[in-house]
Amino acid sequence: MAKHLKDTKYSVLNLSPVVQGGTVEESFRNSIDLARHAEKWGYNRFWLAEHHNIEGVASSATAVLIGYIAGGTKTIRVGSGGIMLPNHSSLVIAEQFGTLESLYPGRIDLGLGRAPGTDQLTARALRRNISSGEDFPEQLAELRNYFKPSGNVRNHVRAIPGEGLDVPIWLLGSSGFSARLAGELGLPFAFAAHFSPANTIPALELYRSSFKPGVLDEPYAMVGVTVIAADTDQKAQRLATSHYQKFLDLVRGAPTKLKPPVDDMEQIWTPREKAMVNEQLSSTIIGGPAEVKAKLEDFVKTTQADEIMVNGETFEHADRLRSFEIIADIWNN
């Protein structure tokens, strides 16, 4: 049976972006403000992503920031989209999220990725021993064991807090590796269509075809997509130039703080750079309410997602709030 927008839940992905001329402290205040509004507007989750050594992303200490957001809200689920497990000891993550679940019971999600979320030099600074991600299944099994009741203790090492707690674990991916693993383990799966659009449908099909009942009886797929909404198509297109500039900086190997919108991107990028950015952002939805609703409806029909996680970074916080408000109105009307 085909899914429609009204059949799905909607959530927020936030990187606590730092804008040009702004500070990290302002970014954190904006994140908690967005989370409180999202809770009021009916969003299901508010996830934060682990990235390191990127001047425009303030969510590097992800578990700490999750605690701040959960402590400043009341009902919305808060989690990681995701924790990059190769950067960390499985025991440390079990203890961190055991602490969060103990503080905010029934509201914490643990989304896990197998990429470092940074460059190799920074990955070495984080973990010393570089992991290629090939041992991710073993790390995941170790982490899951730490959450089991004390009867499953191995080598006398226990995660306290963490042991015996039900912290939902999600696998995140932008290719097929985690899709297959999530399916085989019966875990929920979240796909990053907002920066890997070409792999979206193959990964979702792989997840569903490889699914075996485990934690879940049936597959549950959440798909991330960038949406920049405004009261008019023209305004949304202009606001989106901040997002384009962010990915242009990544293409150029010089990521920086989120830049203000511009009137004409043609003055900034070369034809080759434009093609590269547009290819990577081909799933991005930009426009006024009618345009965004039509594209979101089409996105849900195409992906058959159970839940949509919306990422949307604009330079001005007020524009960001308005964008997420429009999206919530689309879902609720």
C-alpha atoms as a PDB file:
ATOM      1  CA  MET A   1       0.000   0.000   0.000  1.00  0.00           C
ATOM      2  CA  ALA A   2       1.502   3.321  -1.084  1.00  0.00           C
ATOM      3  CA  LYS A   3       2.383   5.768   1.651  1.00  0.00           C
ATOM      4  CA  HIS A   4       1.395   9.417   1.653  1.00  0.00           C
ATOM      5  CA  LEU A   5       2.607  12.385   3.655  1.00  0.00           C
ATOM      6  CA  LYS A   6      -0.156  11.957   6.223  1.00  0.00           C
ATOM      7  CA  ASP A   7       1.017   8.375   6.844  1.00  0.00           C
ATOM      8  CA  THR A   8       4.503   9.430   7.968  1.00  0.00           C
ATOM      9  CA  LYS A   9       6.012  11.059  11.013  1.00  0.00           C
ATOM     10  CA  TYR A  10       8.264  14.084  10.690  1.00  0.00           C
ATOM     11  CA  SER A  11      11.432  14.950  12.619  1.00  0.00           C
ATOM     12  CA  VAL A  12      14.356  17.388  12.749  1.00  0.00           C
ATOM     13  CA  LEU A  13      18.058  16.912  12.036  1.00  0.00           C
ATOM     14  CA  ASN A  14      20.206  19.696  13.477  1.00  0.00           C
ATOM     15  CA  LEU A  15      23.963  20.336  13.294  1.00  0.00           C
ATOM     16  CA  SER A  16      23.816  23.448  15.466  1.00  0.00           C
ATOM     17  CA  PRO A  17      25.209  25.531  12.575  1.00  0.00           C
ATOM     18  CA  VAL A  18      27.516  28.455  13.283  1.00  0.00           C
ATOM     19  CA  VAL A  19      26.921  31.397  10.957  1.00  0.00           C
ATOM     20  CA  GLN A  20      29.391  34.030   9.798  1.00  0.00           C
ATOM     21  CA  GLY A  21      29.593  36.695  12.477  1.00  0.00           C
ATOM     22  CA  GLY A  22      27.924  34.389  14.987  1.00  0.00           C
ATOM     23  CA  THR A  23      29.206  32.411  17.953  1.00  0.00           C
ATOM     24  CA  VAL A  24      28.920  28.825  19.158  1.00  0.00           C
ATOM     25  CA  GLU A  25      26.938  30.037  22.155  1.00  0.00           C
ATOM     26  CA  GLU A  26      24.362  31.607  19.816  1.00  0.00           C
ATOM     27  CA  SER A  27      24.197  28.374  17.820  1.00  0.00           C
ATOM     28  CA  PHE A  28      23.380  26.376  20.931  1.00  0.00           C
ATOM     29  CA  ARG A  29      20.684  28.858  21.947  1.00  0.00           C
ATOM     30  CA  ASN A  30      19.219  28.627  18.452  1.00  0.00           C
ATOM     31  CA  SER A  31      19.224  24.819  18.628  1.00  0.00           C
ATOM     32  CA  ILE A  32      17.284  24.708  21.890  1.00  0.00           C
ATOM     33  CA  ASP A  33      14.876  27.342  20.583  1.00  0.00           C
ATOM     34  CA  LEU A  34      14.263  25.306  17.424  1.00  0.00           C
ATOM     35  CA  ALA A  35      13.773  22.148  19.505  1.00  0.00           C
ATOM     36  CA  ARG A  36      11.164  23.829  21.690  1.00  0.00           C
ATOM     37  CA  HIS A  37       9.298  25.091  18.658  1.00  0.00           C
ATOM     38  CA  ALA A  38       9.569  21.680  16.961  1.00  0.00           C
ATOM     39  CA  GLU A  39       8.070  20.046  20.035  1.00  0.00           C
ATOM     40  CA  LYS A  40       5.159  22.501  19.926  1.00  0.00           C
ATOM     41  CA  TRP A  41       4.680  21.947  16.178  1.00  0.00           C
ATOM     42  CA  GLY A  42       4.407  18.164  16.505  1.00  0.00           C
ATOM     43  CA  TYR A  43       7.815  16.963  15.307  1.00  0.00           C
ATOM     44  CA  ASN A  44       8.590  13.451  16.532  1.00  0.00           C
ATOM     45  CA  ARG A  45      12.374  13.623  17.078  1.00  0.00           C
ATOM     46  CA  PHE A  46      15.176  16.131  17.279  1.00  0.00           C
ATOM     47  CA  TRP A  47      18.490  14.572  16.308  1.00  0.00           C
ATOM     48  CA  LEU A  48      21.987  16.036  16.409  1.00  0.00           C
ATOM     49  CA  ALA A  49      24.890  14.916  14.239  1.00  0.00           C
ATOM     50  CA  GLU A  50      28.522  14.291  15.169  1.00  0.00           C
ATOM     51  CA  HIS A  51      31.043  16.185  13.043  1.00  0.00           C
ATOM     52  CA  HIS A  52      34.517  17.365  13.993  1.00  0.00           C
ATOM     53  CA  ASN A  53      36.978  20.042  12.934  1.00  0.00           C
ATOM     54  CA  ILE A  54      34.352  21.924  10.909  1.00  0.00           C
ATOM     55  CA  GLU A  55      34.107  25.596  11.787  1.00  0.00           C
ATOM     56  CA  GLY A  56      30.416  25.854  10.911  1.00  0.00           C
ATOM     57  CA  VAL A  57      29.201  22.816  12.898  1.00  0.00           C
ATOM     58  CA  ALA A  58      28.961  23.037  16.697  1.00  0.00           C
ATOM     59  CA  SER A  59      27.513  19.583  17.471  1.00  0.00           C
ATOM     60  CA  SER A  60      30.845  17.788  17.926  1.00  0.00           C
ATOM     61  CA  ALA A  61      30.216  16.859  21.596  1.00  0.00           C
ATOM     62  CA  THR A  62      26.962  15.247  20.519  1.00  0.00           C
ATOM     63  CA  ALA A  63      25.966  13.462  23.732  1.00  0.00           C
ATOM     64  CA  VAL A  64      26.512  16.638  25.757  1.00  0.00           C
ATOM     65  CA  LEU A  65      24.331  18.641  23.390  1.00  0.00           C
ATOM     66  CA  ILE A  66      21.627  15.938  23.420  1.00  0.00           C
ATOM     67  CA  GLY A  67      21.465  16.337  27.191  1.00  0.00           C
ATOM     68  CA  TYR A  68      21.090  20.108  26.823  1.00  0.00           C
ATOM     69  CA  ILE A  69      18.259  19.753  24.294  1.00  0.00           C
ATOM     70  CA  ALA A  70      16.461  17.009  26.229  1.00  0.00           C
ATOM     71  CA  GLY A  71      16.754  19.032  29.429  1.00  0.00           C
ATOM     72  CA  GLY A  72      15.203  22.062  27.755  1.00  0.00           C
ATOM     73  CA  THR A  73      12.235  20.217  26.234  1.00  0.00           C
ATOM     74  CA  LYS A  74       9.524  17.974  27.643  1.00  0.00           C
ATOM     75  CA  THR A  75       8.193  15.373  25.225  1.00  0.00           C
ATOM     76  CA  ILE A  76      10.087  15.321  21.911  1.00  0.00           C
ATOM     77  CA  ARG A  77      12.504  12.423  21.418  1.00  0.00           C
ATOM     78  CA  VAL A  78      16.145  13.547  21.284  1.00  0.00           C
ATOM     79  CA  GLY A  79      19.003  11.576  19.817  1.00  0.00           C
ATOM     80  CA  SER A  80      22.023  11.245  17.596  1.00  0.00           C
ATOM     81  CA  GLY A  81      21.955  11.321  13.842  1.00  0.00           C
ATOM     82  CA  GLY A  82      24.442  10.040  14.489  1.00  0.00           C
ATOM     83  CA  ILE A  83      27.225   9.043  16.807  1.00  0.00           C
ATOM     84  CA  MET A  84      30.149   7.919  14.643  1.00  0.00           C
ATOM     85  CA  LEU A  85      30.981   4.703  16.486  1.00  0.00           C
ATOM     86  CA  PRO A  86      34.506   4.169  15.069  1.00  0.00           C
ATOM     87  CA  ASN A  87      35.542   7.375  16.862  1.00  0.00           C
ATOM     88  CA  HIS A  88      34.664   6.002  20.284  1.00  0.00           C
ATOM     89  CA  SER A  89      34.915   3.170  22.746  1.00  0.00           C
ATOM     90  CA  SER A  90      31.662   1.211  22.782  1.00  0.00           C
ATOM     91  CA  LEU A  91      31.726   1.296  26.581  1.00  0.00           C
ATOM     92  CA  VAL A  92      31.894   5.105  26.643  1.00  0.00           C
ATOM     93  CA  ILE A  93      28.917   5.417  24.300  1.00  0.00           C
ATOM     94  CA  ALA A  94      26.924   2.906  26.382  1.00  0.00           C
ATOM     95  CA  GLU A  95      27.669   4.918  29.534  1.00  0.00           C
ATOM     96  CA  GLN A  96      26.858   8.259  27.894  1.00  0.00           C
ATOM     97  CA  PHE A  97      23.540   7.111  26.479  1.00  0.00           C
ATOM     98  CA  GLY A  98      22.757   5.108  29.597  1.00  0.00           C
ATOM     99  CA  THR A  99      23.160   8.368  31.496  1.00  0.00           C
ATOM    100  CA  LEU A 100      20.935  10.242  29.050  1.00  0.00           C
ATOM    101  CA  GLU A 101      18.249   7.532  29.158  1.00  0.00           C
ATOM    102  CA  SER A 102      18.356   7.568  32.976  1.00  0.00           C
ATOM    103  CA  LEU A 103      17.921  11.342  33.018  1.00  0.00           C
ATOM    104  CA  TYR A 104      15.252  11.482  30.295  1.00  0.00           C
ATOM    105  CA  PRO A 105      13.607   8.025  30.261  1.00  0.00           C
ATOM    106  CA  GLY A 106      11.792   7.023  27.107  1.00  0.00           C
ATOM    107  CA  ARG A 107      13.033  10.007  25.093  1.00  0.00           C
ATOM    108  CA  ILE A 108      16.563   9.106  23.922  1.00  0.00           C
ATOM    109  CA  ASP A 109      17.572   7.590  20.559  1.00  0.00           C
ATOM    110  CA  LEU A 110      21.023   6.289  19.671  1.00  0.00           C
ATOM    111  CA  GLY A 111      21.655   6.580  15.941  1.00  0.00           C
ATOM    112  CA  LEU A 112      25.003   5.120  14.864  1.00  0.00           C
ATOM    113  CA  GLY A 113      27.183   5.685  11.820  1.00  0.00           C
ATOM    114  CA  ARG A 114      30.383   3.964  10.733  1.00  0.00           C
ATOM    115  CA  ALA A 115      32.129   6.936   9.059  1.00  0.00           C
ATOM    116  CA  PRO A 116      34.416   9.169  11.130  1.00  0.00           C
ATOM    117  CA  GLY A 117      32.473  12.340  10.321  1.00  0.00           C
ATOM    118  CA  THR A 118      35.743  14.150   9.755  1.00  0.00           C
ATOM    119  CA  ASP A 119      39.138  13.946   8.060  1.00  0.00           C
ATOM    120  CA  GLN A 120      41.752  11.295   8.832  1.00  0.00           C
ATOM    121  CA  LEU A 121      43.984  13.596  10.904  1.00  0.00           C
ATOM    122  CA  THR A 122      41.074  14.508  13.158  1.00  0.00           C
ATOM    123  CA  ALA A 123      39.953  10.880  13.325  1.00  0.00           C
ATOM    124  CA  ARG A 124      43.422   9.982  14.591  1.00  0.00           C
ATOM    125  CA  ALA A 125      43.236  12.742  17.198  1.00  0.00           C
ATOM    126  CA  LEU A 126      39.872  11.376  18.344  1.00  0.00           C
ATOM    127  CA  ARG A 127      40.708   7.690  18.562  1.00  0.00           C
ATOM    128  CA  ARG A 128      44.465   7.299  17.897  1.00  0.00           C
ATOM    129  CA  ASN A 129      43.902   3.938  16.188  1.00  0.00           C
ATOM    130  CA  ILE A 130      42.185   4.607  12.872  1.00  0.00           C
ATOM    131  CA  SER A 131      39.283   2.287  12.059  1.00  0.00           C
ATOM    132  CA  SER A 132      38.195   1.734   8.469  1.00  0.00           C
ATOM    133  CA  GLY A 133      34.682   0.903   9.632  1.00  0.00           C
ATOM    134  CA  GLU A 134      35.039  -2.729   8.596  1.00  0.00           C
ATOM    135  CA  ASP A 135      34.844  -3.794  12.235  1.00  0.00           C
ATOM    136  CA  PHE A 136      31.635  -1.809  12.735  1.00  0.00           C
ATOM    137  CA  PRO A 137      29.468  -4.953  13.156  1.00  0.00           C
ATOM    138  CA  GLU A 138      31.747  -6.149  15.969  1.00  0.00           C
ATOM    139  CA  GLN A 139      31.697  -2.704  17.630  1.00  0.00           C
ATOM    140  CA  LEU A 140      27.928  -2.629  17.335  1.00  0.00           C
ATOM    141  CA  ALA A 141      27.582  -6.081  18.911  1.00  0.00           C
ATOM    142  CA  GLU A 142      29.845  -5.004  21.762  1.00  0.00           C
ATOM    143  CA  LEU A 143      27.790  -1.859  22.336  1.00  0.00           C
ATOM    144  CA  ARG A 144      24.512  -3.752  22.315  1.00  0.00           C
ATOM    145  CA  ASN A 145      25.876  -6.237  24.836  1.00  0.00           C
ATOM    146  CA  TYR A 146      26.606  -3.414  27.280  1.00  0.00           C
ATOM    147  CA  PHE A 147      22.895  -2.541  27.328  1.00  0.00           C
ATOM    148  CA  LYS A 148      21.839  -6.105  28.155  1.00  0.00           C
ATOM    149  CA  PRO A 149      20.987  -7.111  31.761  1.00  0.00           C
ATOM    150  CA  SER A 150      23.866  -7.955  34.090  1.00  0.00           C
ATOM    151  CA  GLY A 151      23.599 -11.677  33.314  1.00  0.00           C
ATOM    152  CA  ASN A 152      25.315 -10.926  29.987  1.00  0.00           C
ATOM    153  CA  VAL A 153      28.456  -9.416  31.533  1.00  0.00           C
ATOM    154  CA  ARG A 154      31.664 -10.417  29.781  1.00  0.00           C
ATOM    155  CA  ASN A 155      35.170  -9.914  31.160  1.00  0.00           C
ATOM    156  CA  HIS A 156      33.672  -8.258  34.267  1.00  0.00           C
ATOM    157  CA  VAL A 157      33.155  -4.965  32.384  1.00  0.00           C
ATOM    158  CA  ARG A 158      29.737  -3.346  32.823  1.00  0.00           C
ATOM    159  CA  ALA A 159      28.202  -0.120  31.557  1.00  0.00           C
ATOM    160  CA  ILE A 160      26.809   1.691  34.575  1.00  0.00           C
ATOM    161  CA  PRO A 161      24.566   3.484  33.796  1.00  0.00           C
ATOM    162  CA  GLY A 162      23.501   1.706  30.631  1.00  0.00           C
ATOM    163  CA  GLU A 163      23.139  -1.908  31.662  1.00  0.00           C
ATOM    164  CA  GLY A 164      19.579  -3.187  31.305  1.00  0.00           C
ATOM    165  CA  LEU A 165      18.276   0.013  29.697  1.00  0.00           C
ATOM    166  CA  ASP A 166      16.172   0.084  26.550  1.00  0.00           C
ATOM    167  CA  VAL A 167      17.904   2.702  24.399  1.00  0.00           C
ATOM    168  CA  PRO A 168      16.620   2.374  20.809  1.00  0.00           C
ATOM    169  CA  ILE A 169      19.542   1.840  18.427  1.00  0.00           C
ATOM    170  CA  TRP A 170      19.292   2.976  14.811  1.00  0.00           C
ATOM    171  CA  LEU A 171      21.776   2.360  12.044  1.00  0.00           C
ATOM    172  CA  LEU A 172      22.514   5.312   9.776  1.00  0.00           C
ATOM    173  CA  GLY A 173      23.878   5.115   6.284  1.00  0.00           C
ATOM    174  CA  SER A 174      24.537   6.786   2.948  1.00  0.00           C
ATOM    175  CA  SER A 175      25.228   3.514   1.096  1.00  0.00           C
ATOM    176  CA  GLY A 176      24.316  -0.165   1.337  1.00  0.00           C
ATOM    177  CA  PHE A 177      26.561  -1.428   4.152  1.00  0.00           C
ATOM    178  CA  SER A 178      24.481  -0.246   7.112  1.00  0.00           C
ATOM    179  CA  ALA A 179      21.240  -0.842   5.189  1.00  0.00           C
ATOM    180  CA  ARG A 180      21.986  -4.549   4.930  1.00  0.00           C
ATOM    181  CA  LEU A 181      23.266  -4.802   8.498  1.00  0.00           C
ATOM    182  CA  ALA A 182      20.205  -3.011   9.902  1.00  0.00           C
ATOM    183  CA  GLY A 183      17.970  -5.363   7.935  1.00  0.00           C
ATOM    184  CA  GLU A 184      19.761  -8.502   9.069  1.00  0.00           C
ATOM    185  CA  LEU A 185      19.607  -7.404  12.722  1.00  0.00           C
ATOM    186  CA  GLY A 186      15.995  -6.212  12.552  1.00  0.00           C
ATOM    187  CA  LEU A 187      16.914  -2.656  13.542  1.00  0.00           C
ATOM    188  CA  PRO A 188      15.419   0.628  12.349  1.00  0.00           C
ATOM    189  CA  PHE A 189      17.360   2.309   9.533  1.00  0.00           C
ATOM    190  CA  ALA A 190      17.906   5.984   8.700  1.00  0.00           C
ATOM    191  CA  PHE A 191      19.231   6.979   5.275  1.00  0.00           C
ATOM    192  CA  ALA A 192      20.986  10.258   4.469  1.00  0.00           C
ATOM    193  CA  ALA A 193      19.239  11.190   1.223  1.00  0.00           C
ATOM    194  CA  HIS A 194      20.065  14.846   1.888  1.00  0.00           C
ATOM    195  CA  PHE A 195      23.658  14.266   0.742  1.00  0.00           C
ATOM    196  CA  SER A 196      23.545  10.861  -0.959  1.00  0.00           C
ATOM    197  CA  PRO A 197      20.431  11.064  -3.151  1.00  0.00           C
ATOM    198  CA  ALA A 198      21.572   8.598  -5.830  1.00  0.00           C
ATOM    199  CA  ASN A 199      21.896   5.766  -3.296  1.00  0.00           C
ATOM    200  CA  THR A 200      18.557   6.350  -1.568  1.00  0.00           C
ATOM    201  CA  ILE A 201      16.275   3.871  -3.340  1.00  0.00           C
ATOM    202  CA  PRO A 202      18.903   1.071  -3.688  1.00  0.00           C
ATOM    203  CA  ALA A 203      19.741   1.322   0.029  1.00  0.00           C
ATOM    204  CA  LEU A 204      16.102   1.312   1.103  1.00  0.00           C
ATOM    205  CA  GLU A 205      15.356  -1.667  -1.133  1.00  0.00           C
ATOM    206  CA  LEU A 206      18.359  -3.508   0.291  1.00  0.00           C
ATOM    207  CA  TYR A 207      17.243  -2.771   3.854  1.00  0.00           C
ATOM    208  CA  ARG A 208      13.723  -4.023   3.235  1.00  0.00           C
ATOM    209  CA  SER A 209      14.758  -7.103   1.255  1.00  0.00           C
ATOM    210  CA  SER A 210      17.339  -8.179   3.853  1.00  0.00           C
ATOM    211  CA  PHE A 211      15.098  -7.490   6.862  1.00  0.00           C
ATOM    212  CA  LYS A 212      14.686 -10.238   9.430  1.00  0.00           C
ATOM    213  CA  PRO A 213      12.561  -9.751  12.546  1.00  0.00           C
ATOM    214  CA  GLY A 214      14.762  -8.791  15.464  1.00  0.00           C
ATOM    215  CA  VAL A 215      14.295  -5.715  17.609  1.00  0.00           C
ATOM    216  CA  LEU A 216      11.498  -4.819  15.168  1.00  0.00           C
ATOM    217  CA  ASP A 217       8.931  -7.157  13.666  1.00  0.00           C
ATOM    218  CA  GLU A 218       8.793  -5.118  10.452  1.00  0.00           C
ATOM    219  CA  PRO A 219      11.247  -2.744   8.742  1.00  0.00           C
ATOM    220  CA  TYR A 220      11.129   0.918   9.710  1.00  0.00           C
ATOM    221  CA  ALA A 221      12.925   3.406   7.474  1.00  0.00           C
ATOM    222  CA  MET A 222      13.507   7.064   8.169  1.00  0.00           C
ATOM    223  CA  VAL A 223      14.886   9.198   5.326  1.00  0.00           C
ATOM    224  CA  GLY A 224      16.723  12.487   5.762  1.00  0.00           C
ATOM    225  CA  VAL A 225      16.021  15.315   3.330  1.00  0.00           C
ATOM    226  CA  THR A 226      16.920  18.992   3.215  1.00  0.00           C
ATOM    227  CA  VAL A 227      13.898  21.279   3.043  1.00  0.00           C
ATOM    228  CA  ILE A 228      14.088  25.070   2.872  1.00  0.00           C
ATOM    229  CA  ALA A 229      10.623  26.586   2.950  1.00  0.00           C
ATOM    230  CA  ALA A 230       9.524  30.217   2.936  1.00  0.00           C
ATOM    231  CA  ASP A 231       6.341  32.141   2.283  1.00  0.00           C
ATOM    232  CA  THR A 232       7.223  32.456  -1.405  1.00  0.00           C
ATOM    233  CA  ASP A 233       9.198  30.360  -3.871  1.00  0.00           C
ATOM    234  CA  GLN A 234      11.437  33.331  -4.620  1.00  0.00           C
ATOM    235  CA  LYS A 235      12.392  33.903  -0.986  1.00  0.00           C
ATOM    236  CA  ALA A 236      13.053  30.200  -0.423  1.00  0.00           C
ATOM    237  CA  GLN A 237      15.369  30.070  -3.442  1.00  0.00           C
ATOM    238  CA  ARG A 238      17.355  33.005  -2.108  1.00  0.00           C
ATOM    239  CA  LEU A 239      17.594  31.529   1.406  1.00  0.00           C
ATOM    240  CA  ALA A 240      18.834  28.269  -0.108  1.00  0.00           C
ATOM    241  CA  THR A 241      21.951  29.971  -1.480  1.00  0.00           C
ATOM    242  CA  SER A 242      23.459  29.709   2.024  1.00  0.00           C
ATOM    243  CA  HIS A 243      23.050  25.935   1.777  1.00  0.00           C
ATOM    244  CA  TYR A 244      24.548  25.892  -1.726  1.00  0.00           C
ATOM    245  CA  GLN A 245      27.539  27.904  -0.526  1.00  0.00           C
ATOM    246  CA  LYS A 246      28.073  25.460   2.345  1.00  0.00           C
ATOM    247  CA  PHE A 247      28.380  22.517  -0.049  1.00  0.00           C
ATOM    248  CA  LEU A 248      30.415  24.566  -2.490  1.00  0.00           C
ATOM    249  CA  ASP A 249      32.942  25.157   0.292  1.00  0.00           C
ATOM    250  CA  LEU A 250      33.009  21.395   0.936  1.00  0.00           C
ATOM    251  CA  VAL A 251      33.634  20.747  -2.771  1.00  0.00           C
ATOM    252  CA  ARG A 252      36.504  23.218  -2.596  1.00  0.00           C
ATOM    253  CA  GLY A 253      37.887  21.529   0.523  1.00  0.00           C
ATOM    254  CA  ALA A 254      37.485  24.641   2.647  1.00  0.00           C
ATOM    255  CA  PRO A 255      34.422  24.273   4.907  1.00  0.00           C
ATOM    256  CA  THR A 256      33.645  27.367   6.936  1.00  0.00           C
ATOM    257  CA  LYS A 257      30.787  29.036   8.812  1.00  0.00           C
ATOM    258  CA  LEU A 258      27.362  29.278   7.205  1.00  0.00           C
ATOM    259  CA  LYS A 259      27.325  32.267   4.872  1.00  0.00           C
ATOM    260  CA  PRO A 260      24.531  34.779   4.250  1.00  0.00           C
ATOM    261  CA  PRO A 261      22.343  34.327   1.164  1.00  0.00           C
ATOM    262  CA  VAL A 262      23.331  35.928  -2.127  1.00  0.00           C
ATOM    263  CA  ASP A 263      21.355  37.186  -5.110  1.00  0.00           C
ATOM    264  CA  ASP A 264      23.235  35.214  -7.755  1.00  0.00           C
ATOM    265  CA  MET A 265      25.181  31.982  -7.268  1.00  0.00           C
ATOM    266  CA  GLU A 266      26.427  32.230 -10.867  1.00  0.00           C
ATOM    267  CA  GLN A 267      28.868  34.864  -9.650  1.00  0.00           C
ATOM    268  CA  ILE A 268      30.328  32.439  -7.121  1.00  0.00           C
ATOM    269  CA  TRP A 269      30.608  28.961  -8.614  1.00  0.00           C
ATOM    270  CA  THR A 270      32.011  27.632 -11.859  1.00  0.00           C
ATOM    271  CA  PRO A 271      29.820  25.502 -14.160  1.00  0.00           C
ATOM    272  CA  ARG A 272      31.676  22.384 -12.995  1.00  0.00           C
ATOM    273  CA  GLU A 273      31.225  23.276  -9.312  1.00  0.00           C
ATOM    274  CA  LYS A 274      27.548  24.035  -9.916  1.00  0.00           C
ATOM    275  CA  ALA A 275      27.038  20.603 -11.464  1.00  0.00           C
ATOM    276  CA  MET A 276      28.826  18.881  -8.566  1.00  0.00           C
ATOM    277  CA  VAL A 277      26.805  20.722  -5.899  1.00  0.00           C
ATOM    278  CA  ASN A 278      23.503  20.213  -7.695  1.00  0.00           C
ATOM    279  CA  GLU A 279      24.192  16.500  -8.101  1.00  0.00           C
ATOM    280  CA  GLN A 280      24.884  16.072  -4.406  1.00  0.00           C
ATOM    281  CA  LEU A 281      21.859  18.171  -3.436  1.00  0.00           C
ATOM    282  CA  SER A 282      19.435  16.814  -6.021  1.00  0.00           C
ATOM    283  CA  SER A 283      16.971  15.675  -3.339  1.00  0.00           C
ATOM    284  CA  THR A 284      16.806  19.140  -1.742  1.00  0.00           C
ATOM    285  CA  ILE A 285      13.305  20.616  -1.562  1.00  0.00           C
ATOM    286  CA  ILE A 286      13.048  24.394  -1.855  1.00  0.00           C
ATOM    287  CA  GLY A 287      10.004  26.616  -2.209  1.00  0.00           C
ATOM    288  CA  GLY A 288       6.844  28.137  -0.835  1.00  0.00           C
ATOM    289  CA  PRO A 289       4.183  26.057   0.945  1.00  0.00           C
ATOM    290  CA  ALA A 290       2.509  24.660  -2.186  1.00  0.00           C
ATOM    291  CA  GLU A 291       5.785  23.732  -3.872  1.00  0.00           C
ATOM    292  CA  VAL A 292       7.207  22.111  -0.731  1.00  0.00           C
ATOM    293  CA  LYS A 293       4.027  20.134  -0.088  1.00  0.00           C
ATOM    294  CA  ALA A 294       3.968  18.732  -3.612  1.00  0.00           C
ATOM    295  CA  LYS A 295       7.647  17.759  -3.505  1.00  0.00           C
ATOM    296  CA  LEU A 296       7.403  16.225  -0.032  1.00  0.00           C
ATOM    297  CA  GLU A 297       4.396  14.182  -1.112  1.00  0.00           C
ATOM    298  CA  ASP A 298       6.344  12.949  -4.124  1.00  0.00           C
ATOM    299  CA  PHE A 299       9.393  12.199  -1.951  1.00  0.00           C
ATOM    300  CA  VAL A 300       7.322  10.041   0.412  1.00  0.00           C
ATOM    301  CA  LYS A 301       5.683   8.173  -2.479  1.00  0.00           C
ATOM    302  CA  THR A 302       9.074   7.516  -4.052  1.00  0.00           C
ATOM    303  CA  THR A 303      10.892   6.388  -0.888  1.00  0.00           C
ATOM    304  CA  GLN A 304       7.915   4.853   0.967  1.00  0.00           C
ATOM    305  CA  ALA A 305       9.569   6.194   4.118  1.00  0.00           C
ATOM    306  CA  ASP A 306       7.952   5.589   7.486  1.00  0.00           C
ATOM    307  CA  GLU A 307       9.389   8.857   8.775  1.00  0.00           C
ATOM    308  CA  ILE A 308      11.030  11.914   7.244  1.00  0.00           C
ATOM    309  CA  MET A 309      13.870  13.706   9.026  1.00  0.00           C
ATOM    310  CA  VAL A 310      14.161  17.296   7.855  1.00  0.00           C
ATOM    311  CA  ASN A 311      17.440  19.161   7.721  1.00  0.00           C
ATOM    312  CA  GLY A 312      17.238  22.852   6.882  1.00  0.00           C
ATOM    313  CA  GLU A 313      19.900  25.451   7.553  1.00  0.00           C
ATOM    314  CA  THR A 314      19.293  29.114   6.805  1.00  0.00           C
ATOM    315  CA  PHE A 315      21.500  32.034   7.771  1.00  0.00           C
ATOM    316  CA  GLU A 316      18.919  33.834   9.912  1.00  0.00           C
ATOM    317  CA  HIS A 317      17.412  31.890  12.791  1.00  0.00           C
ATOM    318  CA  ALA A 318      14.008  33.486  12.218  1.00  0.00           C
ATOM    319  CA  ASP A 319      13.980  32.130   8.649  1.00  0.00           C
ATOM    320  CA  ARG A 320      14.901  28.680   9.970  1.00  0.00           C
ATOM    321  CA  LEU A 321      12.014  28.746  12.437  1.00  0.00           C
ATOM    322  CA  ARG A 322       9.602  29.868   9.740  1.00  0.00           C
ATOM    323  CA  SER A 323      10.773  27.081   7.430  1.00  0.00           C
ATOM    324  CA  PHE A 324      10.142  24.375  10.024  1.00  0.00           C
ATOM    325  CA  GLU A 325       6.796  25.962  10.921  1.00  0.00           C
ATOM    326  CA  ILE A 326       5.672  25.840   7.275  1.00  0.00           C
ATOM    327  CA  ILE A 327       6.742  22.194   7.036  1.00  0.00           C
ATOM    328  CA  ALA A 328       4.754  21.320  10.180  1.00  0.00           C
ATOM    329  CA  ASP A 329       1.704  23.122   8.803  1.00  0.00           C
ATOM    330  CA  ILE A 330       1.997  21.076   5.599  1.00  0.00           C
ATOM    331  CA  TRP A 331       1.992  17.848   7.582  1.00  0.00           C
ATOM    332  CA  ASN A 332      -0.887  18.862   9.800  1.00  0.00           C
ATOM    333  CA  ASN A 333      -3.235  20.308   7.165  1.00  0.00           C
END
